[in-house]
Amino acid sequence: MPVVQIEDQIKNLVKQIEEMRAESLRLEGAVATLRGVLSSGVTELDIPEQPSQTPEEGEITEDSA
């Protein structure tokens, strides 16, 4: 019969709530920033194309960090 450890479940749920809270705050910050940009009269942002780059040997990237 499967067994569930209550304390582990509580810890996992609390961790998930903390992660969701952090993501929610990040998104709220992004919305506030974009609203500020919009209120200053900017309605569009031009984003330049970034050429694909291969990391140099030993270079730290987001994927390897």
C-alpha atoms as a PDB file:
ATOM      1  CA  MET A   1       0.000   0.000   0.000  1.00  0.00           C
ATOM      2  CA  PRO A   2       1.451   3.438  -0.945  1.00  0.00           C
ATOM      3  CA  VAL A   3       2.443   5.703   1.946  1.00  0.00           C
ATOM      4  CA  VAL A   4       2.462   9.494   1.919  1.00  0.00           C
ATOM      5  CA  GLN A   5       4.659  11.397   4.337  1.00  0.00           C
ATOM      6  CA  ILE A   6       2.526  14.333   5.525  1.00  0.00           C
ATOM      7  CA  GLU A   7       5.476  16.548   6.468  1.00  0.00           C
ATOM      8  CA  ASP A   8       7.073  16.026   3.046  1.00  0.00           C
ATOM      9  CA  GLN A   9       3.798  16.893   1.346  1.00  0.00           C
ATOM     10  CA  ILE A  10       3.492  20.078   3.405  1.00  0.00           C
ATOM     11  CA  LYS A  11       7.088  21.082   2.559  1.00  0.00           C
ATOM     12  CA  ASN A  12       6.496  20.436  -1.144  1.00  0.00           C
ATOM     13  CA  LEU A  13       3.288  22.461  -1.180  1.00  0.00           C
ATOM     14  CA  VAL A  14       4.864  25.366   0.708  1.00  0.00           C
ATOM     15  CA  LYS A  15       7.782  25.347  -1.760  1.00  0.00           C
ATOM     16  CA  GLN A  16       5.361  25.408  -4.690  1.00  0.00           C
ATOM     17  CA  ILE A  17       3.455  28.325  -3.126  1.00  0.00           C
ATOM     18  CA  GLU A  18       6.720  30.257  -2.640  1.00  0.00           C
ATOM     19  CA  GLU A  19       7.727  29.630  -6.252  1.00  0.00           C
ATOM     20  CA  MET A  20       4.313  30.751  -7.500  1.00  0.00           C
ATOM     21  CA  ARG A  21       4.461  33.857  -5.303  1.00  0.00           C
ATOM     22  CA  ALA A  22       7.893  34.765  -6.715  1.00  0.00           C
ATOM     23  CA  GLU A  23       6.648  34.276 -10.274  1.00  0.00           C
ATOM     24  CA  SER A  24       3.545  36.345  -9.538  1.00  0.00           C
ATOM     25  CA  LEU A  25       5.681  39.189  -8.163  1.00  0.00           C
ATOM     26  CA  ARG A  26       7.957  38.998 -11.200  1.00  0.00           C
ATOM     27  CA  LEU A  27       4.966  39.252 -13.520  1.00  0.00           C
ATOM     28  CA  GLU A  28       3.472  42.127 -11.513  1.00  0.00           C
ATOM     29  CA  GLY A  29       6.787  43.961 -11.854  1.00  0.00           C
ATOM     30  CA  ALA A  30       6.802  43.407 -15.607  1.00  0.00           C
ATOM     31  CA  VAL A  31       3.238  44.738 -15.872  1.00  0.00           C
ATOM     32  CA  ALA A  32       4.121  47.805 -13.765  1.00  0.00           C
ATOM     33  CA  THR A  33       7.162  48.492 -15.946  1.00  0.00           C
ATOM     34  CA  LEU A  34       5.183  48.209 -19.177  1.00  0.00           C
ATOM     35  CA  ARG A  35       2.413  50.421 -17.770  1.00  0.00           C
ATOM     36  CA  GLY A  36       5.052  53.027 -16.918  1.00  0.00           C
ATOM     37  CA  VAL A  37       6.436  52.853 -20.447  1.00  0.00           C
ATOM     38  CA  LEU A  38       2.915  53.146 -21.869  1.00  0.00           C
ATOM     39  CA  SER A  39       2.054  56.113 -19.642  1.00  0.00           C
ATOM     40  CA  SER A  40       5.136  57.926 -20.958  1.00  0.00           C
ATOM     41  CA  GLY A  41       3.632  57.729 -24.430  1.00  0.00           C
ATOM     42  CA  VAL A  42       5.530  54.779 -25.864  1.00  0.00           C
ATOM     43  CA  THR A  43       3.173  52.340 -27.568  1.00  0.00           C
ATOM     44  CA  GLU A  44       5.678  50.086 -29.359  1.00  0.00           C
ATOM     45  CA  LEU A  45       9.140  48.731 -28.628  1.00  0.00           C
ATOM     46  CA  ASP A  46      11.505  47.741 -31.433  1.00  0.00           C
ATOM     47  CA  ILE A  47      13.473  44.662 -30.468  1.00  0.00           C
ATOM     48  CA  PRO A  48      16.514  44.045 -32.664  1.00  0.00           C
ATOM     49  CA  GLU A  49      17.226  40.591 -34.012  1.00  0.00           C
ATOM     50  CA  GLN A  50      20.041  38.874 -32.155  1.00  0.00           C
ATOM     51  CA  PRO A  51      22.311  36.664 -34.220  1.00  0.00           C
ATOM     52  CA  SER A  52      22.640  33.134 -32.960  1.00  0.00           C
ATOM     53  CA  GLN A  53      25.923  32.725 -31.115  1.00  0.00           C
ATOM     54  CA  THR A  54      27.666  29.580 -30.036  1.00  0.00           C
ATOM     55  CA  PRO A  55      29.329  29.864 -26.618  1.00  0.00           C
ATOM     56  CA  GLU A  56      33.102  29.896 -26.460  1.00  0.00           C
ATOM     57  CA  GLU A  57      34.743  26.920 -24.808  1.00  0.00           C
ATOM     58  CA  GLY A  58      34.518  27.358 -21.031  1.00  0.00           C
ATOM     59  CA  GLU A  59      32.028  30.234 -21.315  1.00  0.00           C
ATOM     60  CA  ILE A  60      29.206  30.160 -18.787  1.00  0.00           C
ATOM     61  CA  THR A  61      25.741  30.390 -20.303  1.00  0.00           C
ATOM     62  CA  GLU A  62      22.234  30.326 -18.797  1.00  0.00           C
ATOM     63  CA  ASP A  63      21.910  26.706 -19.881  1.00  0.00           C
ATOM     64  CA  SER A  64      25.119  25.645 -18.142  1.00  0.00           C
ATOM     65  CA  ALA A  65      24.672  27.713 -14.969  1.00  0.00           C
END
